[in-house]
Amino acid sequence: MAYDQNNSGFQRQMYKGNWKCAKCGGEITELPFNPDPARLNQLQCRKCHQERQGMSRNR
């Protein structure tokens, strides 16, 4: 388990695997959730996910 980004002490289980980012094609080796096999084509790396989150906040 890993600590969350805010270091509040909350432990979150991390899932290890070999996935590819749907946006940039980068390697993803760890996720904070167990991905749905039917939606693997929608996975995004941390950087692409954060960029997407930032764009949705600026609407």
PDB file of N, CA and C in Angstrom:
ATOM      1  N   MET A   1       0.834  -1.185   0.000  1.00  0.00           N
ATOM      2  CA  MET A   1       0.000   0.000   0.000  1.00  0.00           C
ATOM      3  C   MET A   1       0.876   1.245   0.000  1.00  0.00           C
ATOM      4  N   ALA A   2       0.328   2.298  -0.540  1.00  0.00           N
ATOM      5  CA  ALA A   2       1.075   3.551  -0.630  1.00  0.00           C
ATOM      6  C   ALA A   2       0.276   4.671   0.019  1.00  0.00           C
ATOM      7  N   TYR A   3       0.986   5.684   0.444  1.00  0.00           N
ATOM      8  CA  TYR A   3       0.322   6.856   1.016  1.00  0.00           C
ATOM      9  C   TYR A   3      -0.245   7.709  -0.101  1.00  0.00           C
ATOM     10  N   ASP A   4      -1.314   8.411   0.202  1.00  0.00           N
ATOM     11  CA  ASP A   4      -1.903   9.276  -0.809  1.00  0.00           C
ATOM     12  C   ASP A   4      -1.016  10.495  -1.050  1.00  0.00           C
ATOM     13  N   GLN A   5      -1.328  11.261  -2.056  1.00  0.00           N
ATOM     14  CA  GLN A   5      -0.494  12.403  -2.447  1.00  0.00           C
ATOM     15  C   GLN A   5      -0.482  13.506  -1.402  1.00  0.00           C
ATOM     16  N   ASN A   6      -1.476  13.566  -0.549  1.00  0.00           N
ATOM     17  CA  ASN A   6      -1.545  14.621   0.458  1.00  0.00           C
ATOM     18  C   ASN A   6      -0.824  14.241   1.740  1.00  0.00           C
ATOM     19  N   ASN A   7      -0.249  13.054   1.794  1.00  0.00           N
ATOM     20  CA  ASN A   7       0.462  12.555   2.973  1.00  0.00           C
ATOM     21  C   ASN A   7      -0.402  12.609   4.227  1.00  0.00           C
ATOM     22  N   SER A   8      -1.689  12.370   4.063  1.00  0.00           N
ATOM     23  CA  SER A   8      -2.587  12.390   5.212  1.00  0.00           C
ATOM     24  C   SER A   8      -2.542  11.081   5.986  1.00  0.00           C
ATOM     25  N   GLY A   9      -1.771  10.128   5.500  1.00  0.00           N
ATOM     26  CA  GLY A   9      -1.640   8.860   6.190  1.00  0.00           C
ATOM     27  C   GLY A   9      -2.584   7.793   5.681  1.00  0.00           C
ATOM     28  N   PHE A  10      -3.518   8.157   4.818  1.00  0.00           N
ATOM     29  CA  PHE A  10      -4.441   7.185   4.244  1.00  0.00           C
ATOM     30  C   PHE A  10      -3.664   6.227   3.361  1.00  0.00           C
ATOM     31  N   GLN A  11      -3.803   4.948   3.626  1.00  0.00           N
ATOM     32  CA  GLN A  11      -3.098   3.977   2.798  1.00  0.00           C
ATOM     33  C   GLN A  11      -4.022   3.461   1.710  1.00  0.00           C
ATOM     34  N   ARG A  12      -3.495   3.398   0.519  1.00  0.00           N
ATOM     35  CA  ARG A  12      -4.265   2.963  -0.636  1.00  0.00           C
ATOM     36  C   ARG A  12      -3.535   1.805  -1.290  1.00  0.00           C
ATOM     37  N   GLN A  13      -4.268   0.757  -1.611  1.00  0.00           N
ATOM     38  CA  GLN A  13      -3.663  -0.377  -2.285  1.00  0.00           C
ATOM     39  C   GLN A  13      -3.315   0.018  -3.712  1.00  0.00           C
ATOM     40  N   MET A  14      -2.114  -0.344  -4.144  1.00  0.00           N
ATOM     41  CA  MET A  14      -1.686  -0.064  -5.503  1.00  0.00           C
ATOM     42  C   MET A  14      -1.617  -1.390  -6.263  1.00  0.00           C
ATOM     43  N   TYR A  15      -2.035  -1.366  -7.509  1.00  0.00           N
ATOM     44  CA  TYR A  15      -2.046  -2.554  -8.355  1.00  0.00           C
ATOM     45  C   TYR A  15      -0.925  -2.442  -9.374  1.00  0.00           C
ATOM     46  N   LYS A  16      -0.092  -3.458  -9.429  1.00  0.00           N
ATOM     47  CA  LYS A  16       1.041  -3.473 -10.352  1.00  0.00           C
ATOM     48  C   LYS A  16       0.665  -4.237 -11.615  1.00  0.00           C
ATOM     49  N   GLY A  17       1.184  -3.771 -12.744  1.00  0.00           N
ATOM     50  CA  GLY A  17       0.911  -4.418 -14.018  1.00  0.00           C
ATOM     51  C   GLY A  17       1.707  -3.752 -15.124  1.00  0.00           C
ATOM     52  N   ASN A  18       1.427  -4.133 -16.326  1.00  0.00           N
ATOM     53  CA  ASN A  18       2.081  -3.564 -17.504  1.00  0.00           C
ATOM     54  C   ASN A  18       1.001  -3.083 -18.458  1.00  0.00           C
ATOM     55  N   TRP A  19       0.703  -1.786 -18.388  1.00  0.00           N
ATOM     56  CA  TRP A  19      -0.324  -1.193 -19.217  1.00  0.00           C
ATOM     57  C   TRP A  19       0.285  -0.050 -20.015  1.00  0.00           C
ATOM     58  N   LYS A  20      -0.456   0.431 -20.997  1.00  0.00           N
ATOM     59  CA  LYS A  20      -0.036   1.575 -21.817  1.00  0.00           C
ATOM     60  C   LYS A  20      -1.054   2.699 -21.674  1.00  0.00           C
ATOM     61  N   CYS A  21      -0.556   3.918 -21.654  1.00  0.00           N
ATOM     62  CA  CYS A  21      -1.411   5.101 -21.604  1.00  0.00           C
ATOM     63  C   CYS A  21      -2.123   5.243 -22.952  1.00  0.00           C
ATOM     64  N   ALA A  22      -3.434   5.434 -22.913  1.00  0.00           N
ATOM     65  CA  ALA A  22      -4.222   5.579 -24.138  1.00  0.00           C
ATOM     66  C   ALA A  22      -3.909   6.882 -24.869  1.00  0.00           C
ATOM     67  N   LYS A  23      -3.419   7.877 -24.160  1.00  0.00           N
ATOM     68  CA  LYS A  23      -3.170   9.191 -24.769  1.00  0.00           C
ATOM     69  C   LYS A  23      -1.754   9.307 -25.339  1.00  0.00           C
ATOM     70  N   CYS A  24      -0.736   9.028 -24.519  1.00  0.00           N
ATOM     71  CA  CYS A  24       0.648   9.245 -24.962  1.00  0.00           C
ATOM     72  C   CYS A  24       1.398   7.950 -25.281  1.00  0.00           C
ATOM     73  N   GLY A  25       0.819   6.799 -24.927  1.00  0.00           N
ATOM     74  CA  GLY A  25       1.477   5.522 -25.190  1.00  0.00           C
ATOM     75  C   GLY A  25       2.529   5.161 -24.167  1.00  0.00           C
ATOM     76  N   GLY A  26       2.668   5.987 -23.128  1.00  0.00           N
ATOM     77  CA  GLY A  26       3.659   5.728 -22.087  1.00  0.00           C
ATOM     78  C   GLY A  26       3.322   4.493 -21.263  1.00  0.00           C
ATOM     79  N   GLU A  27       4.330   3.972 -20.617  1.00  0.00           N
ATOM     80  CA  GLU A  27       4.179   2.779 -19.797  1.00  0.00           C
ATOM     81  C   GLU A  27       3.538   3.131 -18.458  1.00  0.00           C
ATOM     82  N   ILE A  28       2.604   2.299 -18.025  1.00  0.00           N
ATOM     83  CA  ILE A  28       1.973   2.425 -16.711  1.00  0.00           C
ATOM     84  C   ILE A  28       2.271   1.129 -15.970  1.00  0.00           C
ATOM     85  N   THR A  29       2.929   1.228 -14.826  1.00  0.00           N
ATOM     86  CA  THR A  29       3.293   0.027 -14.072  1.00  0.00           C
ATOM     87  C   THR A  29       2.551  -0.102 -12.759  1.00  0.00           C
ATOM     88  N   GLU A  30       1.864   0.968 -12.340  1.00  0.00           N
ATOM     89  CA  GLU A  30       1.178   0.947 -11.056  1.00  0.00           C
ATOM     90  C   GLU A  30      -0.054   1.847 -11.119  1.00  0.00           C
ATOM     91  N   LEU A  31      -1.165   1.331 -10.587  1.00  0.00           N
ATOM     92  CA  LEU A  31      -2.419   2.088 -10.563  1.00  0.00           C
ATOM     93  C   LEU A  31      -3.040   2.011  -9.180  1.00  0.00           C
ATOM     94  N   PRO A  32      -3.797   3.034  -8.773  1.00  0.00           N
ATOM     95  CA  PRO A  32      -4.452   3.016  -7.465  1.00  0.00           C
ATOM     96  C   PRO A  32      -5.783   2.262  -7.494  1.00  0.00           C
ATOM     97  N   PHE A  33      -6.043   1.535  -8.569  1.00  0.00           N
ATOM     98  CA  PHE A  33      -7.265   0.738  -8.695  1.00  0.00           C
ATOM     99  C   PHE A  33      -6.965  -0.454  -9.594  1.00  0.00           C
ATOM    100  N   ASN A  34      -7.786  -1.478  -9.486  1.00  0.00           N
ATOM    101  CA  ASN A  34      -7.648  -2.648 -10.342  1.00  0.00           C
ATOM    102  C   ASN A  34      -8.422  -2.355 -11.624  1.00  0.00           C
ATOM    103  N   PRO A  35      -7.737  -2.169 -12.754  1.00  0.00           N
ATOM    104  CA  PRO A  35      -8.430  -1.739 -13.966  1.00  0.00           C
ATOM    105  C   PRO A  35      -9.370  -2.807 -14.525  1.00  0.00           C
ATOM    106  N   ASP A  36     -10.476  -2.341 -15.077  1.00  0.00           N
ATOM    107  CA  ASP A  36     -11.452  -3.203 -15.731  1.00  0.00           C
ATOM    108  C   ASP A  36     -10.859  -3.643 -17.072  1.00  0.00           C
ATOM    109  N   PRO A  37     -10.723  -4.953 -17.309  1.00  0.00           N
ATOM    110  CA  PRO A  37     -10.138  -5.422 -18.577  1.00  0.00           C
ATOM    111  C   PRO A  37     -10.864  -4.888 -19.814  1.00  0.00           C
ATOM    112  N   ALA A  38     -12.144  -4.609 -19.702  1.00  0.00           N
ATOM    113  CA  ALA A  38     -12.905  -4.097 -20.845  1.00  0.00           C
ATOM    114  C   ALA A  38     -12.599  -2.629 -21.134  1.00  0.00           C
ATOM    115  N   ARG A  39     -11.914  -1.949 -20.208  1.00  0.00           N
ATOM    116  CA  ARG A  39     -11.644  -0.514 -20.376  1.00  0.00           C
ATOM    117  C   ARG A  39     -10.148  -0.193 -20.397  1.00  0.00           C
ATOM    118  N   LEU A  40      -9.318  -1.175 -20.685  1.00  0.00           N
ATOM    119  CA  LEU A  40      -7.872  -0.944 -20.701  1.00  0.00           C
ATOM    120  C   LEU A  40      -7.469   0.095 -21.741  1.00  0.00           C
ATOM    121  N   ASN A  41      -8.271   0.239 -22.789  1.00  0.00           N
ATOM    122  CA  ASN A  41      -7.961   1.222 -23.833  1.00  0.00           C
ATOM    123  C   ASN A  41      -8.245   2.655 -23.383  1.00  0.00           C
ATOM    124  N   GLN A  42      -8.721   2.833 -22.142  1.00  0.00           N
ATOM    125  CA  GLN A  42      -9.012   4.167 -21.617  1.00  0.00           C
ATOM    126  C   GLN A  42      -8.046   4.592 -20.516  1.00  0.00           C
ATOM    127  N   LEU A  43      -7.093   3.730 -20.164  1.00  0.00           N
ATOM    128  CA  LEU A  43      -6.152   4.055 -19.089  1.00  0.00           C
ATOM    129  C   LEU A  43      -5.255   5.213 -19.486  1.00  0.00           C
ATOM    130  N   GLN A  44      -4.945   6.060 -18.515  1.00  0.00           N
ATOM    131  CA  GLN A  44      -4.028   7.170 -18.751  1.00  0.00           C
ATOM    132  C   GLN A  44      -2.953   7.187 -17.677  1.00  0.00           C
ATOM    133  N   CYS A  45      -1.749   7.582 -18.076  1.00  0.00           N
ATOM    134  CA  CYS A  45      -0.658   7.728 -17.124  1.00  0.00           C
ATOM    135  C   CYS A  45      -0.965   8.915 -16.205  1.00  0.00           C
ATOM    136  N   ARG A  46      -0.203   9.044 -15.153  1.00  0.00           N
ATOM    137  CA  ARG A  46      -0.434  10.118 -14.176  1.00  0.00           C
ATOM    138  C   ARG A  46      -0.374  11.499 -14.833  1.00  0.00           C
ATOM    139  N   LYS A  47       0.614  11.711 -15.691  1.00  0.00           N
ATOM    140  CA  LYS A  47       0.787  13.023 -16.327  1.00  0.00           C
ATOM    141  C   LYS A  47      -0.414  13.375 -17.209  1.00  0.00           C
ATOM    142  N   CYS A  48      -0.835  12.445 -18.051  1.00  0.00           N
ATOM    143  CA  CYS A  48      -1.977  12.705 -18.937  1.00  0.00           C
ATOM    144  C   CYS A  48      -3.260  12.868 -18.133  1.00  0.00           C
ATOM    145  N   HIS A  49      -3.412  12.091 -17.080  1.00  0.00           N
ATOM    146  CA  HIS A  49      -4.603  12.208 -16.232  1.00  0.00           C
ATOM    147  C   HIS A  49      -4.644  13.582 -15.561  1.00  0.00           C
ATOM    148  N   GLN A  50      -3.506  14.041 -15.046  1.00  0.00           N
ATOM    149  CA  GLN A  50      -3.463  15.348 -14.391  1.00  0.00           C
ATOM    150  C   GLN A  50      -3.736  16.469 -15.386  1.00  0.00           C
ATOM    151  N   GLU A  51      -3.220  16.342 -16.605  1.00  0.00           N
ATOM    152  CA  GLU A  51      -3.490  17.350 -17.639  1.00  0.00           C
ATOM    153  C   GLU A  51      -4.981  17.390 -17.954  1.00  0.00           C
ATOM    154  N   ARG A  52      -5.603  16.224 -18.049  1.00  0.00           N
ATOM    155  CA  ARG A  52      -7.037  16.148 -18.330  1.00  0.00           C
ATOM    156  C   ARG A  52      -7.842  16.753 -17.186  1.00  0.00           C
ATOM    157  N   GLN A  53      -7.450  16.476 -15.959  1.00  0.00           N
ATOM    158  CA  GLN A  53      -8.136  17.035 -14.796  1.00  0.00           C
ATOM    159  C   GLN A  53      -8.014  18.560 -14.798  1.00  0.00           C
ATOM    160  N   GLY A  54      -6.848  19.068 -15.146  1.00  0.00           N
ATOM    161  CA  GLY A  54      -6.634  20.508 -15.195  1.00  0.00           C
ATOM    162  C   GLY A  54      -7.499  21.174 -16.251  1.00  0.00           C
ATOM    163  N   MET A  55      -7.650  20.523 -17.405  1.00  0.00           N
ATOM    164  CA  MET A  55      -8.482  21.080 -18.467  1.00  0.00           C
ATOM    165  C   MET A  55      -9.943  21.110 -18.051  1.00  0.00           C
ATOM    166  N   SER A  56     -10.411  20.096 -17.345  1.00  0.00           N
ATOM    167  CA  SER A  56     -11.823  20.069 -16.956  1.00  0.00           C
ATOM    168  C   SER A  56     -12.120  21.112 -15.879  1.00  0.00           C
ATOM    169  N   ARG A  57     -11.130  21.490 -15.086  1.00  0.00           N
ATOM    170  CA  ARG A  57     -11.325  22.523 -14.061  1.00  0.00           C
ATOM    171  C   ARG A  57     -11.377  23.915 -14.667  1.00  0.00           C
ATOM    172  N   ASN A  58     -10.775  24.079 -15.845  1.00  0.00           N
ATOM    173  CA  ASN A  58     -10.712  25.393 -16.484  1.00  0.00           C
ATOM    174  C   ASN A  58     -11.922  25.694 -17.357  1.00  0.00           C
ATOM    175  N   ARG A  59     -12.911  24.844 -17.362  1.00  0.00           N
ATOM    176  CA  ARG A  59     -14.094  25.052 -18.215  1.00  0.00           C
ATOM    177  C   ARG A  59     -14.960  26.145 -17.690  1.00  0.00           C
TER     178      ARG A  59
END
